[in-house]
Amino acid sequence: MRQAHNRTREVNMDLIYKSTRNNQETATASEAILKGLAGEGGLFVPSYIPKLDKSLEELSKMSYQEVAYEVMKLFMTDFTEEELKHCINSAYDKKFDTESIAELVKKEDAYYLELFHGATIAFKDMALSILPYLMTTSAKKNHVKNEIVILTATSGDTGKAALAGFADVPGTKIIVFYPKHGVSPIQEKQMVTQRGDNTYVIGIEGNFDDAQTGVKKMFSDVALAQEMNEAGYQFSSANSINIGRLVPQVVYYVYSYAVLLARGDISEGEQINVVVPTGNFGNILASYYAKQMGIPINKFVCASNKNKVLFDFFETGKYDRNREFYVTTSPSMDILISSNLERMIYRIAGNDPKQCAEFMAALTKDGEYVITDAMKAELSEFFGAFGSEEETAVKIKEVYDKEGYVMDTHTAVAAVAYDKYKAATGDDKTPTIIASTASPYKFTRSVMDAIDPAYDAEDDFELVDELNKVSKTEIPKAIEEIRTAPVLHDTVCETVAMEDEVKKILGI
């Protein structure tokens, strides 16, 4: 029997990870997780998208943890069953305030997939709860002796979720850079009060793209890598560019389809739509991978805020970051460089790393690139739409008035995009899942102002209590904890000084 088992493992082992910019660079799942970023600034992508080996009917009878195993085992082929189940069961436990891990709630004519029931009340928890376990397991598998330094840029949510995930994890340090004036007060408070001897939080005088560019630059600095290695350190990333972030995100799209099927809201094989508010394209790419695995998805509605670089890309085929940058009420989407789009560009370029690298070089040099007509045709399953600040606020109030349901600003952008999709296509019959990416408690001011502008006179934590009254939902533990927590991180630097700050922390 054992022989047969080994054989099946070998059959599966042909899934490896390749760099989007150099096909010669390959890695196993655990190596790709450890590295985070491939050489030359490329991203790791699976050599193919595996098909689910359980039927939709079988999946509909499974818990979140069981679905996670069925999806992740197909991508993490060098992990044993025991290793992978340990990672899954350690991640998806009492840290979440609902047994189902992700809730699917029907409001108006859509299903809101609530991805904010984790420790930091944002969707990033879904992947960042498991990444530290995948990372430490990968380090053991690859006999890594160095301490792993997680280096991350955040537009607000990744930072806190990664800090919470990696706090006091042995053999790791985590350094998070965030735009000092580009996150919500609650997002900032969540980060600067983070406990843990291995956690470091630094505000930068710049926007998220500046933070992300600074981090990417350190990753690709060969001399810095050598210096760190000599001091017993190596970099890894908790950003969504890490494949260990992307794969767990595929799980909740597979799971939500299974839930709809289990409830009898859809029949097996019936198509659904997915609407995702996104800045860096990772969350919507995960739903695209779910479709490639066998989930029947009709359309992917890509929702942008006022920084509508992705909307313009889907409209025209031109990606252009040379534009004004807006700070909005949905800050996690205030992004002009969509890092995960590179994985999609690689795919629609026929998995051609040379062409992909050329596009990315043009983006760095000129701030723009234009895809071919043939590539644009490959994106026909995507529908781009954006929500203005006004539209987003109106939507929050509208759904609250009708349903008594309070959504956050990012989810409201998605709900606006869904309305525009229905108006443009006439498709209001296909069951639709809207990814609800953060708790309204994370953006209390913007949410309460939308319900009634009179609330603007109150401070952020008074607004928490008001939100609790109007929404009739419990104040999340994540918010209660930071009300009185002391600020432990107060470093702020210019973007040019980011590397100096890292060296200071590491004593090199």
Protein backbone atom coordinates (compact mmCIF):
# COMPACT_ATOMS: atom_id res chain seq x y z
CA MET A 1 0.00 0.00 0.00
CA ARG A 2 2.82 2.33 0.99
CA GLN A 3 4.37 1.97 -2.46
CA ALA A 4 1.19 3.09 -4.16
CA HIS A 5 0.96 6.11 -1.87
CA ASN A 6 4.51 7.14 -2.74
CA ARG A 7 3.75 6.77 -6.41
CA THR A 8 0.80 9.14 -6.23
CA ARG A 9 2.95 11.68 -4.44
CA GLU A 10 5.48 11.45 -7.26
CA VAL A 11 2.81 11.93 -9.89
CA ASN A 12 1.77 15.12 -8.13
CA MET A 13 5.27 16.38 -7.70
CA ASP A 14 5.39 17.66 -11.25
CA LEU A 15 3.77 20.90 -10.08
CA ILE A 16 6.64 23.26 -9.45
CA TYR A 17 6.91 27.04 -9.27
CA LYS A 18 8.47 29.17 -11.97
CA SER A 19 9.44 32.82 -12.05
CA THR A 20 7.29 35.15 -14.16
CA ARG A 21 10.52 36.72 -15.51
CA ASN A 22 12.82 33.73 -15.94
CA ASN A 23 11.65 30.18 -16.62
CA GLN A 24 15.04 28.80 -15.71
CA GLU A 25 14.35 29.70 -12.08
CA THR A 26 12.22 27.00 -10.49
CA ALA A 27 11.30 26.14 -6.90
CA THR A 28 9.25 23.67 -4.87
CA ALA A 29 6.30 25.11 -2.93
CA SER A 30 8.31 25.31 0.30
CA GLU A 31 11.28 27.01 -1.46
CA ALA A 32 8.95 29.54 -3.13
CA ILE A 33 7.31 30.33 0.25
CA LEU A 34 10.73 30.91 1.85
CA LYS A 35 12.04 33.09 -0.93
CA GLY A 36 8.84 35.13 -1.29
CA LEU A 37 10.11 36.94 -4.37
CA ALA A 38 11.89 35.27 -7.29
CA GLY A 39 15.18 36.58 -8.71
CA GLU A 40 15.13 39.68 -10.97
CA GLY A 41 11.98 40.85 -9.17
CA GLY A 42 9.83 38.07 -10.67
CA LEU A 43 6.94 36.34 -8.90
CA PHE A 44 6.55 32.59 -8.44
CA VAL A 45 3.64 31.00 -10.29
CA PRO A 46 2.59 27.34 -10.36
CA SER A 47 3.68 25.56 -13.54
CA TYR A 48 -0.02 24.73 -14.07
CA ILE A 49 -3.25 25.15 -12.12
CA PRO A 50 -4.24 21.73 -10.72
CA LYS A 51 -7.81 20.45 -11.02
CA LEU A 52 -9.77 19.64 -7.85
CA ASP A 53 -9.81 15.88 -7.29
CA LYS A 54 -13.01 15.96 -5.20
CA SER A 55 -16.46 16.63 -6.70
CA LEU A 56 -18.32 19.83 -5.86
CA GLU A 57 -20.86 17.64 -4.08
CA GLU A 58 -18.13 16.10 -1.88
CA LEU A 59 -16.71 19.55 -1.11
CA SER A 60 -20.16 20.80 -0.04
CA LYS A 61 -20.09 18.38 2.91
CA MET A 62 -16.72 19.62 4.20
CA SER A 63 -15.64 22.12 6.85
CA TYR A 64 -13.46 25.10 5.98
CA GLN A 65 -10.37 23.24 7.24
CA GLU A 66 -11.16 20.19 5.10
CA VAL A 67 -11.71 22.28 1.97
CA ALA A 68 -8.42 24.09 2.72
CA TYR A 69 -6.61 20.73 2.73
CA GLU A 70 -8.21 19.62 -0.57
CA VAL A 71 -7.17 22.85 -2.31
CA MET A 72 -3.76 23.37 -0.75
CA LYS A 73 -2.46 19.80 -1.09
CA LEU A 74 -2.65 20.24 -4.88
CA PHE A 75 -0.39 23.33 -4.81
CA MET A 76 1.92 22.44 -1.89
CA THR A 77 3.08 19.17 -3.32
CA ASP A 78 6.26 18.86 -1.26
CA PHE A 79 4.36 19.09 2.06
CA THR A 80 3.30 15.81 3.67
CA GLU A 81 -0.35 15.36 4.68
CA GLU A 82 0.67 15.65 8.32
CA GLU A 83 2.64 18.90 7.77
CA LEU A 84 -0.12 20.55 5.79
CA LYS A 85 -2.92 19.55 8.18
CA HIS A 86 -0.84 20.83 11.10
CA CYS A 87 -0.51 24.24 9.35
CA ILE A 88 -4.25 24.37 8.53
CA ASN A 89 -5.50 23.31 11.95
CA SER A 90 -3.08 25.69 13.73
CA ALA A 91 -4.27 28.61 11.59
CA TYR A 92 -8.02 28.17 11.41
CA ASP A 93 -8.97 27.77 15.05
CA LYS A 94 -10.33 29.89 17.88
CA LYS A 95 -8.53 32.96 16.46
CA PHE A 96 -11.63 33.32 14.31
CA ASP A 97 -14.85 34.46 15.95
CA THR A 98 -17.02 32.14 13.88
CA GLU A 99 -16.78 28.38 13.60
CA SER A 100 -17.25 28.47 9.84
CA ILE A 101 -14.12 30.77 9.53
CA ALA A 102 -15.78 32.68 6.67
CA GLU A 103 -19.49 33.60 6.73
CA LEU A 104 -21.71 33.87 3.66
CA VAL A 105 -24.55 36.34 4.26
CA LYS A 106 -27.36 37.09 1.78
CA LYS A 107 -28.29 40.81 1.56
CA GLU A 108 -30.32 42.41 -1.22
CA ASP A 109 -29.50 40.32 -4.31
CA ALA A 110 -25.98 39.20 -3.46
CA TYR A 111 -24.08 36.95 -1.06
CA TYR A 112 -21.49 38.78 1.04
CA LEU A 113 -18.54 36.54 1.77
CA GLU A 114 -17.39 37.90 5.16
CA LEU A 115 -13.65 37.39 5.28
CA PHE A 116 -13.10 39.48 8.39
CA HIS A 117 -13.74 37.12 11.28
CA GLY A 118 -10.05 36.65 12.11
CA ALA A 119 -7.76 38.26 14.67
CA THR A 120 -7.31 41.58 12.86
CA ILE A 121 -10.81 41.81 11.26
CA ALA A 122 -9.69 41.95 7.64
CA PHE A 123 -9.50 39.41 4.83
CA LYS A 124 -5.72 39.30 5.08
CA ASP A 125 -6.18 37.09 8.17
CA MET A 126 -7.42 34.31 5.93
CA ALA A 127 -3.95 33.85 4.48
CA LEU A 128 -1.75 35.45 7.12
CA SER A 129 -2.99 33.15 9.87
CA ILE A 130 -1.47 30.21 8.03
CA LEU A 131 1.61 31.80 6.45
CA PRO A 132 3.82 31.66 9.63
CA TYR A 133 3.12 27.91 9.89
CA LEU A 134 3.82 27.35 6.19
CA MET A 135 6.99 29.41 6.57
CA THR A 136 8.39 27.66 9.66
CA THR A 137 7.51 24.22 8.19
CA SER A 138 9.26 25.23 4.93
CA ALA A 139 12.34 26.40 6.87
CA LYS A 140 12.56 23.00 8.63
CA LYS A 141 12.08 21.12 5.35
CA ASN A 142 14.88 23.07 3.70
CA HIS A 143 17.24 22.94 6.72
CA VAL A 144 17.40 26.73 6.94
CA LYS A 145 19.85 27.86 9.63
CA ASN A 146 19.36 31.64 9.21
CA GLU A 147 16.78 33.66 11.08
CA ILE A 148 13.98 34.64 8.67
CA VAL A 149 13.30 38.37 8.42
CA ILE A 150 9.80 39.03 7.11
CA LEU A 151 9.95 42.33 5.26
CA THR A 152 6.60 43.76 4.27
CA ALA A 153 4.96 46.91 2.92
CA THR A 154 1.32 47.47 3.82
CA SER A 155 -1.54 49.70 2.77
CA GLY A 156 -3.08 49.01 6.16
CA ASP A 157 -4.35 45.47 6.55
CA THR A 158 -1.50 43.17 5.56
CA GLY A 159 0.76 44.84 8.13
CA LYS A 160 -1.36 44.11 11.17
CA ALA A 161 -2.38 40.65 10.03
CA ALA A 162 1.26 39.71 9.34
CA LEU A 163 2.42 41.20 12.66
CA ALA A 164 -0.25 39.25 14.53
CA GLY A 165 0.66 36.06 12.66
CA PHE A 166 4.42 36.28 13.19
CA ALA A 167 4.54 37.86 16.70
CA ASP A 168 6.88 35.76 18.86
CA VAL A 169 7.21 33.00 16.21
CA PRO A 170 10.67 31.49 16.94
CA GLY A 171 13.33 31.97 14.27
CA THR A 172 11.62 35.00 12.71
CA LYS A 173 11.63 38.79 12.83
CA ILE A 174 9.00 40.92 11.11
CA ILE A 175 9.51 44.49 9.85
CA VAL A 176 6.50 46.35 8.45
CA PHE A 177 6.61 49.65 6.52
CA TYR A 178 3.39 51.64 6.10
CA PRO A 179 2.47 55.09 4.67
CA LYS A 180 2.33 57.32 7.75
CA HIS A 181 -0.50 59.42 6.32
CA GLY A 182 -2.22 56.77 4.21
CA VAL A 183 -4.01 54.37 6.61
CA SER A 184 -7.08 54.73 8.82
CA PRO A 185 -6.54 55.76 12.48
CA ILE A 186 -7.70 52.34 13.63
CA GLN A 187 -5.44 50.55 11.14
CA GLU A 188 -2.49 52.59 12.43
CA LYS A 189 -3.36 52.01 16.08
CA GLN A 190 -3.59 48.27 15.42
CA MET A 191 -0.04 48.25 14.08
CA VAL A 192 1.76 50.63 16.44
CA THR A 193 0.41 48.82 19.53
CA GLN A 194 1.58 45.40 18.33
CA ARG A 195 3.29 43.36 21.02
CA GLY A 196 6.07 40.85 20.38
CA ASP A 197 9.85 41.09 20.79
CA ASN A 198 10.38 40.27 17.12
CA THR A 199 7.97 42.89 15.68
CA TYR A 200 9.00 46.26 14.16
CA VAL A 201 6.68 48.86 12.60
CA ILE A 202 7.94 51.90 10.67
CA GLY A 203 5.88 54.71 9.16
CA ILE A 204 7.24 56.26 5.93
CA GLU A 205 6.80 59.75 4.52
CA GLY A 206 5.28 58.58 1.24
CA ASN A 207 2.45 56.40 -0.12
CA PHE A 208 1.99 52.64 -0.27
CA ASP A 209 3.65 52.32 -3.69
CA ASP A 210 6.75 54.03 -2.25
CA ALA A 211 6.78 51.50 0.62
CA GLN A 212 6.29 48.56 -1.76
CA THR A 213 9.01 49.79 -4.15
CA GLY A 214 11.45 50.26 -1.22
CA VAL A 215 10.79 46.71 0.01
CA LYS A 216 11.13 45.18 -3.48
CA LYS A 217 14.43 47.04 -3.93
CA MET A 218 15.83 45.49 -0.71
CA PHE A 219 14.70 42.05 -1.83
CA SER A 220 16.58 42.26 -5.10
CA ASP A 221 19.76 43.82 -3.58
CA VAL A 222 22.40 41.06 -3.88
CA ALA A 223 24.98 42.88 -1.73
CA LEU A 224 22.43 43.35 1.07
CA ALA A 225 21.46 39.65 0.88
CA GLN A 226 25.12 38.71 1.31
CA GLU A 227 25.56 41.10 4.24
CA MET A 228 22.51 39.61 5.90
CA ASN A 229 23.58 36.04 5.28
CA GLU A 230 26.93 36.74 6.96
CA ALA A 231 25.00 38.08 9.98
CA GLY A 232 22.75 34.95 10.00
CA TYR A 233 19.60 36.45 8.42
CA GLN A 234 17.59 36.04 5.22
CA PHE A 235 14.59 37.94 3.86
CA SER A 236 11.18 36.55 3.14
CA SER A 237 7.92 38.29 2.38
CA ALA A 238 4.43 38.24 3.85
CA ASN A 239 3.04 40.39 1.01
CA SER A 240 0.59 38.91 -1.39
CA ILE A 241 3.48 38.39 -3.81
CA ASN A 242 4.31 35.33 -1.66
CA ILE A 243 2.68 32.21 -3.09
CA GLY A 244 2.06 31.13 0.54
CA ARG A 245 -0.41 34.04 0.69
CA LEU A 246 -2.11 33.46 -2.63
CA VAL A 247 -2.89 29.73 -2.34
CA PRO A 248 -4.84 30.03 0.97
CA GLN A 249 -6.93 32.76 -0.71
CA VAL A 250 -8.08 30.31 -3.38
CA VAL A 251 -9.62 28.23 -0.58
CA TYR A 252 -12.40 30.63 0.38
CA TYR A 253 -13.74 30.88 -3.16
CA VAL A 254 -13.93 27.09 -3.40
CA TYR A 255 -15.50 26.99 0.08
CA SER A 256 -18.13 29.66 -0.67
CA TYR A 257 -19.29 27.74 -3.77
CA ALA A 258 -19.50 24.59 -1.64
CA VAL A 259 -21.58 26.45 0.99
CA LEU A 260 -24.06 27.72 -1.63
CA LEU A 261 -24.38 24.17 -2.91
CA ALA A 262 -24.84 22.73 0.59
CA ARG A 263 -27.60 25.29 1.29
CA GLY A 264 -29.40 24.39 -1.92
CA ASP A 265 -29.03 28.00 -3.20
CA ILE A 266 -27.38 26.70 -6.36
CA SER A 267 -27.29 23.36 -8.13
CA GLU A 268 -24.04 21.49 -8.86
CA GLY A 269 -22.25 23.01 -11.84
CA GLU A 270 -24.35 26.22 -11.80
CA GLN A 271 -22.34 29.33 -12.67
CA ILE A 272 -21.77 32.15 -10.17
CA ASN A 273 -20.24 35.64 -10.42
CA VAL A 274 -17.55 36.92 -8.10
CA VAL A 275 -17.05 40.61 -7.24
CA VAL A 276 -13.78 41.57 -5.56
CA PRO A 277 -12.59 45.00 -4.38
CA THR A 278 -8.89 45.02 -5.15
CA GLY A 279 -5.82 47.21 -5.39
CA ASN A 280 -3.01 44.75 -6.02
CA PHE A 281 -5.09 42.06 -7.82
CA GLY A 282 -4.18 39.20 -5.44
CA ASN A 283 -7.66 38.55 -4.05
CA ILE A 284 -9.34 38.46 -7.47
CA LEU A 285 -6.51 36.39 -8.96
CA ALA A 286 -7.23 33.78 -6.27
CA SER A 287 -10.85 33.53 -7.53
CA TYR A 288 -9.52 33.12 -11.10
CA TYR A 289 -7.32 30.23 -9.89
CA ALA A 290 -10.41 28.72 -8.20
CA LYS A 291 -12.15 28.72 -11.59
CA GLN A 292 -9.14 27.05 -13.24
CA MET A 293 -9.38 24.35 -10.53
CA GLY A 294 -13.00 23.62 -11.52
CA ILE A 295 -15.30 26.12 -9.71
CA PRO A 296 -17.95 27.30 -12.22
CA ILE A 297 -17.44 31.09 -12.27
CA ASN A 298 -19.01 33.13 -15.04
CA LYS A 299 -17.59 36.65 -14.50
CA PHE A 300 -14.96 38.23 -12.28
CA VAL A 301 -15.97 41.79 -11.47
CA CYS A 302 -12.82 43.74 -10.60
CA ALA A 303 -13.85 46.65 -8.35
CA SER A 304 -11.56 49.70 -8.06
CA ASN A 305 -11.90 52.90 -6.05
CA LYS A 306 -10.99 56.39 -7.31
CA ASN A 307 -7.43 55.09 -8.01
CA LYS A 308 -8.85 53.20 -10.94
CA VAL A 309 -5.68 51.98 -12.61
CA LEU A 310 -7.12 48.44 -12.95
CA PHE A 311 -10.46 49.68 -14.33
CA ASP A 312 -8.62 51.66 -17.01
CA PHE A 313 -6.46 48.63 -17.77
CA PHE A 314 -9.49 46.39 -18.39
CA GLU A 315 -11.12 49.12 -20.50
CA THR A 316 -8.14 49.93 -22.69
CA GLY A 317 -5.45 47.25 -22.33
CA LYS A 318 -3.06 49.96 -21.17
CA TYR A 319 -1.63 49.86 -17.67
CA ASP A 320 -0.65 53.41 -16.71
CA ARG A 321 0.52 54.43 -13.26
CA ASN A 322 1.44 57.95 -14.38
CA ARG A 323 -1.51 59.63 -12.75
CA GLU A 324 -2.58 61.46 -9.66
CA PHE A 325 -2.63 59.34 -6.50
CA TYR A 326 -5.75 59.73 -4.34
CA VAL A 327 -6.04 59.01 -0.63
CA THR A 328 -9.58 57.62 -0.26
CA THR A 329 -11.90 56.17 2.37
CA SER A 330 -10.92 52.68 1.11
CA PRO A 331 -7.17 52.99 1.76
CA SER A 332 -6.26 49.33 1.25
CA MET A 333 -7.04 49.89 -2.45
CA ASP A 334 -5.07 53.13 -2.78
CA ILE A 335 -2.52 51.49 -5.02
CA LEU A 336 -1.15 52.37 -8.47
CA ILE A 337 1.14 49.35 -8.90
CA SER A 338 -0.89 46.14 -8.79
CA SER A 339 1.83 43.69 -7.91
CA ASN A 340 -0.20 40.51 -8.47
CA LEU A 341 -1.36 41.54 -11.92
CA GLU A 342 2.07 40.41 -13.08
CA ARG A 343 0.98 36.79 -12.52
CA MET A 344 -2.01 37.38 -14.82
CA ILE A 345 0.11 39.17 -17.44
CA TYR A 346 2.47 36.18 -17.48
CA ARG A 347 -0.49 33.84 -18.03
CA ILE A 348 -2.15 35.81 -20.83
CA ALA A 349 1.25 36.26 -22.50
CA GLY A 350 1.20 32.45 -22.96
CA ASN A 351 3.46 31.87 -19.88
CA ASP A 352 6.23 33.73 -21.71
CA PRO A 353 8.68 35.11 -19.09
CA LYS A 354 10.58 37.19 -21.65
CA GLN A 355 7.46 39.10 -22.70
CA CYS A 356 6.32 39.46 -19.09
CA ALA A 357 9.73 40.82 -18.04
CA GLU A 358 9.58 43.36 -20.91
CA PHE A 359 6.19 44.66 -19.72
CA MET A 360 7.44 44.98 -16.14
CA ALA A 361 10.63 46.74 -17.26
CA ALA A 362 8.46 49.23 -19.20
CA LEU A 363 6.35 49.79 -16.07
CA THR A 364 9.48 50.58 -14.04
CA LYS A 365 11.05 52.77 -16.75
CA ASP A 366 8.04 54.57 -18.29
CA GLY A 367 5.30 53.89 -15.74
CA GLU A 368 3.13 52.15 -18.34
CA TYR A 369 2.75 49.23 -20.76
CA VAL A 370 0.15 48.20 -23.35
CA ILE A 371 -0.86 44.54 -23.80
CA THR A 372 -1.58 43.03 -27.23
CA ASP A 373 -5.12 42.52 -28.58
CA ALA A 374 -4.68 38.76 -28.24
CA MET A 375 -3.82 39.20 -24.54
CA LYS A 376 -6.75 41.54 -24.04
CA ALA A 377 -9.07 38.88 -25.53
CA GLU A 378 -7.84 36.49 -22.82
CA LEU A 379 -9.36 38.81 -20.21
CA SER A 380 -12.93 38.53 -21.50
CA GLU A 381 -14.08 36.88 -18.22
CA PHE A 382 -13.19 40.06 -16.33
CA PHE A 383 -15.41 43.10 -15.98
CA GLY A 384 -13.85 46.27 -14.55
CA ALA A 385 -15.87 48.85 -12.64
CA PHE A 386 -15.08 51.52 -10.06
CA GLY A 387 -16.88 53.34 -7.27
CA SER A 388 -16.33 57.02 -6.53
CA GLU A 389 -16.15 58.28 -2.95
CA GLU A 390 -19.72 59.59 -3.20
CA GLU A 391 -21.09 56.36 -4.69
CA THR A 392 -19.37 54.32 -1.98
CA ALA A 393 -20.89 56.40 0.83
CA VAL A 394 -24.37 56.29 -0.77
CA LYS A 395 -24.15 52.49 -1.06
CA ILE A 396 -23.25 52.06 2.64
CA LYS A 397 -26.30 54.09 3.62
CA GLU A 398 -28.60 52.41 1.10
CA VAL A 399 -27.81 48.87 2.27
CA TYR A 400 -28.00 49.95 5.90
CA ASP A 401 -31.40 51.61 5.41
CA LYS A 402 -32.82 48.62 3.51
CA GLU A 403 -31.23 45.72 5.31
CA GLY A 404 -29.85 47.06 8.62
CA TYR A 405 -26.51 45.65 7.39
CA VAL A 406 -23.39 47.79 7.77
CA MET A 407 -20.50 47.16 5.38
CA ASP A 408 -17.06 48.66 5.27
CA THR A 409 -15.87 51.07 2.57
CA HIS A 410 -13.96 48.47 0.50
CA THR A 411 -16.95 46.12 0.43
CA ALA A 412 -19.15 49.09 -0.56
CA VAL A 413 -16.85 49.79 -3.54
CA ALA A 414 -17.50 46.18 -4.62
CA ALA A 415 -21.26 46.57 -4.15
CA VAL A 416 -21.20 49.72 -6.35
CA ALA A 417 -19.20 47.81 -8.98
CA TYR A 418 -21.76 44.99 -8.90
CA ASP A 419 -24.60 47.48 -9.53
CA LYS A 420 -22.65 48.83 -12.53
CA TYR A 421 -22.03 45.32 -13.82
CA LYS A 422 -25.78 44.53 -13.68
CA ALA A 423 -26.66 47.84 -15.39
CA ALA A 424 -24.10 47.26 -18.17
CA THR A 425 -24.84 43.56 -18.85
CA GLY A 426 -28.45 43.03 -17.76
CA ASP A 427 -27.18 39.96 -15.82
CA ASP A 428 -29.05 40.13 -12.54
CA LYS A 429 -29.92 36.45 -12.35
CA THR A 430 -26.51 34.80 -11.83
CA PRO A 431 -25.93 34.10 -8.09
CA THR A 432 -23.19 36.53 -7.07
CA ILE A 433 -20.63 36.51 -4.27
CA ILE A 434 -19.20 39.84 -3.13
CA ALA A 435 -15.93 39.55 -1.21
CA SER A 436 -16.43 41.51 2.00
CA THR A 437 -12.87 42.30 2.87
CA ALA A 438 -12.94 44.16 6.19
CA SER A 439 -15.10 44.75 9.21
CA PRO A 440 -16.85 48.14 9.27
CA TYR A 441 -15.24 48.58 12.73
CA LYS A 442 -11.92 49.09 10.95
CA PHE A 443 -13.18 52.19 9.14
CA THR A 444 -15.65 53.56 11.65
CA ARG A 445 -15.40 57.21 10.65
CA SER A 446 -16.01 56.70 6.95
CA VAL A 447 -18.80 54.18 7.60
CA MET A 448 -20.62 56.27 10.23
CA ASP A 449 -20.26 59.48 8.17
CA ALA A 450 -21.95 57.66 5.29
CA ILE A 451 -24.87 56.66 7.56
CA ASP A 452 -25.17 60.17 9.02
CA PRO A 453 -22.68 63.05 8.55
CA ALA A 454 -23.53 64.30 12.09
CA TYR A 455 -21.31 61.51 13.46
CA ASP A 456 -18.22 63.29 12.16
CA ALA A 457 -17.95 65.37 15.32
CA GLU A 458 -17.08 62.29 17.43
CA ASP A 459 -13.66 60.65 17.83
CA ASP A 460 -12.87 57.27 16.29
CA PHE A 461 -13.45 55.23 19.41
CA GLU A 462 -16.74 56.98 20.26
CA LEU A 463 -17.78 56.03 16.76
CA VAL A 464 -17.01 52.39 17.55
CA ASP A 465 -19.71 52.49 20.23
CA GLU A 466 -22.14 54.20 17.85
CA LEU A 467 -21.47 51.59 15.18
CA ASN A 468 -22.11 48.89 17.75
CA LYS A 469 -25.56 50.44 18.41
CA VAL A 470 -26.62 50.92 14.78
CA SER A 471 -25.31 47.60 13.48
CA LYS A 472 -26.40 45.52 16.48
CA THR A 473 -23.13 43.57 16.12
CA GLU A 474 -20.57 42.84 18.77
CA ILE A 475 -17.49 45.09 18.97
CA PRO A 476 -14.65 42.83 17.79
CA LYS A 477 -11.96 41.87 20.29
CA ALA A 478 -9.37 43.39 17.91
CA ILE A 479 -10.90 46.84 18.48
CA GLU A 480 -11.51 46.53 22.23
CA GLU A 481 -7.87 45.57 22.74
CA ILE A 482 -6.41 48.68 21.10
CA ARG A 483 -8.58 51.25 22.89
CA THR A 484 -6.17 51.49 25.77
CA ALA A 485 -3.09 49.74 24.39
CA PRO A 486 0.17 51.74 24.61
CA VAL A 487 2.00 52.80 21.43
CA LEU A 488 5.09 50.56 21.17
CA HIS A 489 6.32 51.60 17.69
CA ASP A 490 6.86 55.25 16.82
CA THR A 491 9.63 55.25 14.19
CA VAL A 492 8.95 57.34 11.06
CA CYS A 493 11.46 57.70 8.20
CA GLU A 494 11.88 59.04 4.66
CA THR A 495 11.64 56.43 1.90
CA VAL A 496 15.38 56.73 1.14
CA ALA A 497 16.17 55.67 4.72
CA MET A 498 14.20 52.38 4.67
CA GLU A 499 17.26 50.17 4.22
CA ASP A 500 19.13 52.03 7.00
CA GLU A 501 16.25 51.32 9.39
CA VAL A 502 16.34 47.60 8.53
CA LYS A 503 20.10 47.45 9.10
CA LYS A 504 19.68 49.26 12.41
CA ILE A 505 17.13 46.66 13.59
CA LEU A 506 19.34 43.76 12.52
CA GLY A 507 22.53 45.33 13.87
CA ILE A 508 24.38 45.06 10.52
